[in-house]
Amino acid sequence: MADPISGVGGRGPQALRLTEAENKKSAEATRNTGSESAPAGAQDSVELSEGVKSASTEAVFDADRVAELRQAIADGQYPLDAKRIAESFASIERLL
């Protein structure tokens, strides 16, 4: 490819503009013909493995435990271990 300022490579700025215009036209033509050649009604599909299917249907959700935790947080009774929190931050910092 030629340098657009100096024209190094045997092509001047005008030749480069013509080439760019031709490339743009061919890209538009490709886009237009590409959409016409796709079969009508063709759609992508995804098939989940049995493991994923069973995990999504058998997900365990303990609504009582969630309500318990929400209440403890709201009452200010949820126990926090400052040392454990600090250790978690330290391990995260080491990953960075």
N, C-alpha and C. Protein backbone atom coordinates (compact mmCIF):
# COMPACT_ATOMS: atom_id res chain seq x y z
N MET A 1 0.84 -1.18 0.00
CA MET A 1 0.00 0.00 0.00
C MET A 1 0.88 1.23 0.00
N ALA A 2 0.50 2.22 -0.73
CA ALA A 2 1.28 3.44 -0.87
C ALA A 2 1.00 4.40 0.27
N ASP A 3 2.01 5.20 0.58
CA ASP A 3 1.85 6.26 1.57
C ASP A 3 1.00 7.36 0.94
N PRO A 4 -0.15 7.74 1.54
CA PRO A 4 -1.04 8.69 0.90
C PRO A 4 -0.45 10.08 0.75
N ILE A 5 0.57 10.43 1.53
CA ILE A 5 1.14 11.77 1.42
C ILE A 5 2.23 11.80 0.37
N SER A 6 3.17 10.89 0.45
CA SER A 6 4.30 10.93 -0.47
C SER A 6 4.05 10.16 -1.75
N GLY A 7 3.09 9.26 -1.76
CA GLY A 7 2.82 8.48 -2.95
C GLY A 7 3.85 7.38 -3.15
N VAL A 8 4.63 7.05 -2.13
CA VAL A 8 5.64 6.01 -2.24
C VAL A 8 4.94 4.70 -2.60
N GLY A 9 5.53 4.00 -3.52
CA GLY A 9 4.95 2.74 -3.93
C GLY A 9 4.35 2.84 -5.32
N GLY A 10 4.55 3.95 -5.99
CA GLY A 10 4.11 4.10 -7.36
C GLY A 10 2.67 4.56 -7.52
N ARG A 11 2.02 4.91 -6.45
CA ARG A 11 0.63 5.35 -6.55
C ARG A 11 0.49 6.70 -5.88
N GLY A 12 -0.08 7.61 -6.56
CA GLY A 12 -0.30 8.93 -6.00
C GLY A 12 -1.59 9.00 -5.21
N PRO A 13 -1.86 10.12 -4.56
CA PRO A 13 -3.06 10.29 -3.76
C PRO A 13 -4.35 10.07 -4.54
N GLN A 14 -4.38 10.49 -5.81
CA GLN A 14 -5.60 10.32 -6.60
C GLN A 14 -5.87 8.84 -6.86
N ALA A 15 -4.83 8.08 -7.14
CA ALA A 15 -5.00 6.64 -7.36
C ALA A 15 -5.50 5.96 -6.10
N LEU A 16 -5.02 6.42 -4.96
CA LEU A 16 -5.49 5.84 -3.71
C LEU A 16 -6.96 6.12 -3.48
N ARG A 17 -7.39 7.34 -3.80
CA ARG A 17 -8.81 7.68 -3.64
C ARG A 17 -9.68 6.81 -4.54
N LEU A 18 -9.22 6.57 -5.76
CA LEU A 18 -9.97 5.72 -6.68
C LEU A 18 -10.05 4.29 -6.14
N THR A 19 -8.94 3.79 -5.62
CA THR A 19 -8.93 2.44 -5.07
C THR A 19 -9.87 2.34 -3.88
N GLU A 20 -9.86 3.35 -3.01
CA GLU A 20 -10.76 3.35 -1.85
C GLU A 20 -12.22 3.35 -2.29
N ALA A 21 -12.53 4.13 -3.34
CA ALA A 21 -13.91 4.19 -3.84
C ALA A 21 -14.32 2.84 -4.42
N GLU A 22 -13.40 2.19 -5.14
CA GLU A 22 -13.70 0.87 -5.71
C GLU A 22 -13.92 -0.16 -4.60
N ASN A 23 -13.08 -0.10 -3.57
CA ASN A 23 -13.24 -1.03 -2.45
C ASN A 23 -14.58 -0.83 -1.76
N LYS A 24 -14.98 0.42 -1.61
CA LYS A 24 -16.26 0.73 -0.96
C LYS A 24 -17.43 0.17 -1.79
N LYS A 25 -17.35 0.36 -3.10
CA LYS A 25 -18.41 -0.15 -3.98
C LYS A 25 -18.49 -1.67 -3.93
N SER A 26 -17.34 -2.33 -3.95
CA SER A 26 -17.37 -3.80 -3.93
C SER A 26 -17.87 -4.32 -2.58
N ALA A 27 -17.55 -3.60 -1.49
CA ALA A 27 -18.06 -4.01 -0.17
C ALA A 27 -19.57 -3.88 -0.11
N GLU A 28 -20.10 -2.81 -0.67
CA GLU A 28 -21.56 -2.62 -0.71
C GLU A 28 -22.22 -3.70 -1.56
N ALA A 29 -21.61 -4.02 -2.68
CA ALA A 29 -22.16 -5.06 -3.55
C ALA A 29 -22.15 -6.41 -2.85
N THR A 30 -21.08 -6.69 -2.12
CA THR A 30 -20.99 -7.96 -1.39
C THR A 30 -22.06 -8.03 -0.32
N ARG A 31 -22.26 -6.92 0.41
CA ARG A 31 -23.29 -6.90 1.44
C ARG A 31 -24.67 -7.14 0.84
N ASN A 32 -24.94 -6.51 -0.30
CA ASN A 32 -26.25 -6.65 -0.93
C ASN A 32 -26.48 -8.07 -1.44
N THR A 33 -25.49 -8.66 -2.08
CA THR A 33 -25.67 -10.01 -2.59
C THR A 33 -25.65 -11.04 -1.48
N GLY A 34 -24.90 -10.78 -0.40
CA GLY A 34 -24.84 -11.71 0.72
C GLY A 34 -26.17 -11.87 1.39
N SER A 35 -26.93 -10.78 1.54
CA SER A 35 -28.21 -10.88 2.21
C SER A 35 -29.26 -11.54 1.34
N GLU A 36 -29.10 -11.45 0.03
CA GLU A 36 -30.06 -12.07 -0.87
C GLU A 36 -29.82 -13.57 -0.99
N SER A 37 -28.55 -14.01 -0.81
CA SER A 37 -28.26 -15.42 -1.01
C SER A 37 -28.59 -16.27 0.22
N ALA A 38 -28.84 -15.64 1.37
CA ALA A 38 -29.19 -16.40 2.57
C ALA A 38 -30.59 -16.97 2.42
N PRO A 39 -30.77 -18.23 2.78
CA PRO A 39 -32.10 -18.83 2.65
C PRO A 39 -33.11 -18.14 3.56
N ALA A 40 -34.31 -17.97 3.04
CA ALA A 40 -35.37 -17.30 3.80
C ALA A 40 -35.77 -18.17 4.98
N GLY A 41 -35.92 -17.54 6.13
CA GLY A 41 -36.37 -18.25 7.31
C GLY A 41 -35.28 -19.02 8.03
N ALA A 42 -34.01 -18.88 7.58
CA ALA A 42 -32.91 -19.58 8.25
C ALA A 42 -32.65 -18.92 9.59
N GLN A 43 -32.54 -19.74 10.63
CA GLN A 43 -32.30 -19.22 11.97
C GLN A 43 -31.23 -20.05 12.65
N ASP A 44 -30.51 -19.42 13.58
CA ASP A 44 -29.54 -20.14 14.38
C ASP A 44 -30.27 -20.86 15.50
N SER A 45 -29.69 -21.93 15.97
CA SER A 45 -30.30 -22.64 17.08
C SER A 45 -29.20 -23.10 18.04
N VAL A 46 -29.59 -23.29 19.28
CA VAL A 46 -28.68 -23.74 20.31
C VAL A 46 -29.29 -24.95 20.99
N GLU A 47 -28.48 -25.97 21.20
CA GLU A 47 -28.95 -27.16 21.90
C GLU A 47 -28.14 -27.31 23.17
N LEU A 48 -28.82 -27.34 24.32
CA LEU A 48 -28.15 -27.45 25.60
C LEU A 48 -27.85 -28.89 25.94
N SER A 49 -26.74 -29.11 26.63
CA SER A 49 -26.39 -30.46 27.05
C SER A 49 -27.31 -30.87 28.19
N GLU A 50 -27.33 -32.16 28.46
CA GLU A 50 -28.19 -32.68 29.54
C GLU A 50 -27.80 -32.10 30.90
N GLY A 51 -26.51 -31.92 31.11
CA GLY A 51 -26.03 -31.35 32.37
C GLY A 51 -26.55 -29.94 32.61
N VAL A 52 -26.53 -29.14 31.57
CA VAL A 52 -27.03 -27.77 31.69
C VAL A 52 -28.54 -27.77 31.90
N LYS A 53 -29.23 -28.62 31.18
CA LYS A 53 -30.68 -28.70 31.32
C LYS A 53 -31.07 -29.09 32.75
N SER A 54 -30.39 -30.11 33.29
CA SER A 54 -30.74 -30.56 34.63
C SER A 54 -30.35 -29.52 35.68
N ALA A 55 -29.25 -28.82 35.48
CA ALA A 55 -28.82 -27.80 36.44
C ALA A 55 -29.82 -26.66 36.49
N SER A 56 -30.37 -26.30 35.35
CA SER A 56 -31.31 -25.18 35.34
C SER A 56 -32.68 -25.58 35.89
N THR A 57 -33.06 -26.82 35.74
CA THR A 57 -34.37 -27.25 36.25
C THR A 57 -34.31 -27.69 37.71
N GLU A 58 -33.14 -28.14 38.16
CA GLU A 58 -33.00 -28.64 39.52
C GLU A 58 -32.30 -27.65 40.45
N ALA A 59 -32.26 -26.38 40.09
CA ALA A 59 -31.59 -25.39 40.92
C ALA A 59 -32.26 -25.32 42.28
N VAL A 60 -31.44 -25.35 43.32
CA VAL A 60 -31.96 -25.34 44.68
C VAL A 60 -32.00 -23.89 45.17
N PHE A 61 -33.16 -23.50 45.66
CA PHE A 61 -33.36 -22.15 46.17
C PHE A 61 -34.08 -22.25 47.50
N ASP A 62 -33.40 -21.85 48.55
CA ASP A 62 -33.96 -21.92 49.90
C ASP A 62 -34.55 -20.56 50.26
N ALA A 63 -35.81 -20.38 49.98
CA ALA A 63 -36.47 -19.10 50.21
C ALA A 63 -36.47 -18.73 51.69
N ASP A 64 -36.59 -19.71 52.56
CA ASP A 64 -36.58 -19.43 54.00
C ASP A 64 -35.23 -18.86 54.44
N ARG A 65 -34.15 -19.45 53.93
CA ARG A 65 -32.80 -18.98 54.29
C ARG A 65 -32.57 -17.57 53.77
N VAL A 66 -33.03 -17.27 52.58
CA VAL A 66 -32.88 -15.93 52.01
C VAL A 66 -33.64 -14.92 52.86
N ALA A 67 -34.86 -15.26 53.27
CA ALA A 67 -35.65 -14.36 54.11
C ALA A 67 -34.96 -14.14 55.45
N GLU A 68 -34.37 -15.21 55.99
CA GLU A 68 -33.64 -15.13 57.25
C GLU A 68 -32.46 -14.17 57.15
N LEU A 69 -31.69 -14.31 56.07
CA LEU A 69 -30.53 -13.44 55.86
C LEU A 69 -30.95 -11.99 55.65
N ARG A 70 -31.99 -11.78 54.88
CA ARG A 70 -32.48 -10.41 54.67
C ARG A 70 -32.88 -9.74 55.98
N GLN A 71 -33.56 -10.50 56.81
CA GLN A 71 -34.00 -9.96 58.10
C GLN A 71 -32.80 -9.65 59.00
N ALA A 72 -31.80 -10.54 59.02
CA ALA A 72 -30.62 -10.32 59.84
C ALA A 72 -29.86 -9.08 59.38
N ILE A 73 -29.76 -8.88 58.07
CA ILE A 73 -29.08 -7.69 57.53
C ILE A 73 -29.86 -6.44 57.90
N ALA A 74 -31.18 -6.49 57.75
CA ALA A 74 -32.03 -5.33 58.06
C ALA A 74 -31.96 -4.96 59.54
N ASP A 75 -31.84 -5.97 60.41
CA ASP A 75 -31.78 -5.73 61.86
C ASP A 75 -30.38 -5.39 62.33
N GLY A 76 -29.39 -5.50 61.43
CA GLY A 76 -28.01 -5.24 61.83
C GLY A 76 -27.40 -6.39 62.61
N GLN A 77 -27.95 -7.56 62.49
CA GLN A 77 -27.50 -8.73 63.23
C GLN A 77 -26.68 -9.72 62.39
N TYR A 78 -26.38 -9.36 61.15
CA TYR A 78 -25.62 -10.27 60.29
C TYR A 78 -24.15 -10.20 60.70
N PRO A 79 -23.54 -11.31 61.05
CA PRO A 79 -22.16 -11.28 61.56
C PRO A 79 -21.15 -11.02 60.43
N LEU A 80 -20.25 -10.09 60.70
CA LEU A 80 -19.19 -9.79 59.75
C LEU A 80 -17.86 -10.08 60.42
N ASP A 81 -16.99 -10.77 59.71
CA ASP A 81 -15.66 -11.10 60.23
C ASP A 81 -14.65 -10.22 59.48
N ALA A 82 -14.19 -9.18 60.15
CA ALA A 82 -13.29 -8.21 59.52
C ALA A 82 -12.01 -8.87 59.01
N LYS A 83 -11.48 -9.83 59.75
CA LYS A 83 -10.26 -10.52 59.32
C LYS A 83 -10.48 -11.29 58.03
N ARG A 84 -11.59 -11.98 57.97
CA ARG A 84 -11.91 -12.77 56.77
C ARG A 84 -12.12 -11.86 55.56
N ILE A 85 -12.77 -10.73 55.77
CA ILE A 85 -12.98 -9.77 54.68
C ILE A 85 -11.63 -9.23 54.19
N ALA A 86 -10.74 -8.89 55.13
CA ALA A 86 -9.42 -8.38 54.76
C ALA A 86 -8.62 -9.42 54.00
N GLU A 87 -8.69 -10.67 54.42
CA GLU A 87 -7.99 -11.74 53.71
C GLU A 87 -8.51 -11.90 52.29
N SER A 88 -9.81 -11.74 52.11
CA SER A 88 -10.39 -11.83 50.77
C SER A 88 -9.88 -10.72 49.87
N PHE A 89 -9.81 -9.51 50.43
CA PHE A 89 -9.28 -8.39 49.65
C PHE A 89 -7.81 -8.62 49.30
N ALA A 90 -7.06 -9.17 50.24
CA ALA A 90 -5.64 -9.44 49.99
C ALA A 90 -5.47 -10.44 48.87
N SER A 91 -6.28 -11.49 48.85
CA SER A 91 -6.16 -12.48 47.79
C SER A 91 -6.55 -11.91 46.43
N ILE A 92 -7.51 -11.01 46.43
CA ILE A 92 -7.92 -10.36 45.18
C ILE A 92 -6.79 -9.46 44.68
N GLU A 93 -6.15 -8.74 45.60
CA GLU A 93 -5.03 -7.86 45.23
C GLU A 93 -3.89 -8.64 44.63
N ARG A 94 -3.63 -9.86 45.13
CA ARG A 94 -2.55 -10.66 44.58
C ARG A 94 -2.84 -11.07 43.15
N LEU A 95 -4.10 -11.20 42.79
CA LEU A 95 -4.46 -11.59 41.42
C LEU A 95 -4.18 -10.46 40.43
N LEU A 96 -4.24 -9.24 40.92
CA LEU A 96 -3.99 -8.10 40.04
C LEU A 96 -2.54 -7.95 39.84
